[in-house]
Protein backbone atom coordinates (compact mmCIF):
# COMPACT_ATOMS: atom_id res chain seq x y z
CA MET A 1 -33.77 -16.13 25.22
CA ARG A 2 -33.57 -15.65 28.97
CA ALA A 3 -36.70 -15.46 31.13
CA GLU A 4 -35.95 -11.84 32.12
CA GLN A 5 -35.75 -10.81 28.47
CA LYS A 6 -39.02 -12.55 27.63
CA LYS A 7 -40.74 -10.79 30.51
CA THR A 8 -39.32 -7.42 29.42
CA ASP A 9 -40.44 -8.02 25.83
CA ALA A 10 -43.94 -8.91 27.03
CA GLN A 11 -44.10 -5.76 29.15
CA HIS A 12 -43.08 -3.57 26.24
CA SER A 13 -45.57 -5.16 23.86
CA SER A 14 -48.48 -4.79 26.31
CA GLY A 15 -47.47 -1.19 27.01
CA ALA A 16 -47.31 -0.47 23.29
CA TRP A 17 -50.77 -1.96 22.84
CA GLY A 18 -52.11 0.35 25.55
CA ILE A 19 -50.53 3.38 23.89
CA LEU A 20 -52.14 2.48 20.55
CA VAL A 21 -55.56 2.01 22.14
CA LEU A 22 -55.36 5.30 24.01
CA HIS A 23 -54.07 7.09 20.91
CA GLY A 24 -57.06 5.83 18.96
CA LEU A 25 -59.43 7.01 21.69
CA SER A 26 -57.85 10.46 21.78
CA ASN A 27 -58.32 10.78 18.02
CA GLU A 28 -62.00 9.93 18.44
CA MET A 29 -62.47 12.56 21.18
CA GLY A 30 -61.33 15.33 18.85
CA ASN A 31 -61.43 18.35 21.20
CA GLY A 32 -58.68 20.48 22.75
CA ASN A 33 -58.53 18.50 25.98
CA SER A 34 -57.91 15.16 24.29
CA ALA A 35 -54.11 15.32 24.63
CA ARG A 36 -54.34 15.92 28.38
CA ARG A 37 -56.94 13.18 28.82
CA THR A 38 -54.85 10.78 26.78
CA SER A 39 -51.79 11.57 28.89
CA ASP A 40 -53.77 11.05 32.11
CA SER A 41 -55.33 7.85 30.81
CA LEU A 42 -51.98 6.52 29.65
CA GLU A 43 -50.43 7.24 33.04
CA LEU A 44 -53.26 5.44 34.83
CA PHE A 45 -53.06 2.52 32.37
CA LEU A 46 -49.36 2.13 33.14
CA VAL A 47 -50.02 2.27 36.90
CA LEU A 48 -52.75 -0.37 36.61
CA GLU A 49 -50.48 -2.49 34.43
CA ALA A 50 -47.75 -2.31 37.10
CA ASP A 51 -50.31 -3.21 39.79
CA LEU A 52 -51.38 -6.27 37.82
CA GLU A 53 -47.78 -7.29 37.29
CA ARG A 54 -47.14 -7.00 41.03
CA LEU A 55 -50.32 -9.00 41.77
CA SER A 56 -49.18 -11.72 39.34
CA ARG A 57 -46.15 -12.33 41.58
CA PHE A 58 -48.57 -13.71 44.19
CA VAL A 59 -51.49 -15.07 42.15
CA GLU A 60 -50.83 -16.61 38.75
CA PHE A 61 -53.43 -15.64 36.15
CA THR A 62 -54.68 -19.11 35.20
CA PRO A 63 -58.15 -20.70 35.11
CA ASP A 64 -57.30 -22.60 38.30
CA ASN A 65 -57.12 -19.27 40.16
CA TYR A 66 -60.24 -17.59 38.73
CA ASP A 67 -62.01 -18.04 42.07
CA SER A 68 -59.24 -16.20 43.94
CA TYR A 69 -60.27 -12.94 45.56
CA SER A 70 -58.58 -10.17 47.49
CA VAL A 71 -59.10 -6.53 48.36
CA GLU A 72 -56.20 -5.67 46.02
CA THR A 73 -57.89 -7.48 43.12
CA ALA A 74 -61.11 -5.58 43.80
CA ARG A 75 -59.22 -2.26 43.94
CA ILE A 76 -57.53 -2.90 40.59
CA LEU A 77 -60.81 -3.95 38.94
CA MET A 78 -62.67 -0.90 40.28
CA ALA A 79 -59.91 1.47 39.17
CA ALA A 80 -59.86 -0.06 35.67
CA ALA A 81 -63.65 0.08 35.39
CA ALA A 82 -63.72 3.71 36.53
CA GLU A 83 -61.13 4.67 33.90
CA VAL A 84 -63.07 2.87 31.16
CA ASP A 85 -66.14 4.82 32.25
CA VAL A 86 -64.25 8.14 32.06
CA VAL A 87 -62.71 7.40 28.65
CA ALA A 88 -65.96 6.06 27.21
CA GLY A 89 -67.89 9.07 28.55
CA ALA A 90 -65.38 11.51 27.07
CA SER A 91 -65.47 9.68 23.75
CA SER A 92 -69.28 9.67 23.56
CA ALA A 93 -69.47 13.33 24.62
CA ALA A 94 -67.21 14.31 21.72
CA THR A 95 -69.50 12.70 19.15
C-alpha cells in the first residue's frame, strides 16, 4: 500500500472515531439542541484535527519532541480544552 493511501486511511479512521464519540455525547445530552451542538462540535473537531495534521508536517509527534513548544501548539491545546469544557458542561447540564 502506498504512503498516501495509508495516510488517507488513517485520516478516515480518526475522523470516524471522532464522529462516534460526538454521536455518543449527543445521545447523552438528550435535549432539542443536541443535534446542533453535535454538528458544531464535529465541525470544530475536524478543524482541530486538520490543524494537528498541519502541525505534524513540522513537528513529528514522538517522545523525542515532547519538549517542543510553539504558539500554534498552545492555540490548538487551548481550543481543544475549551471544546471539551463546552461538551462536558452540556452533557452534565442535561443529566
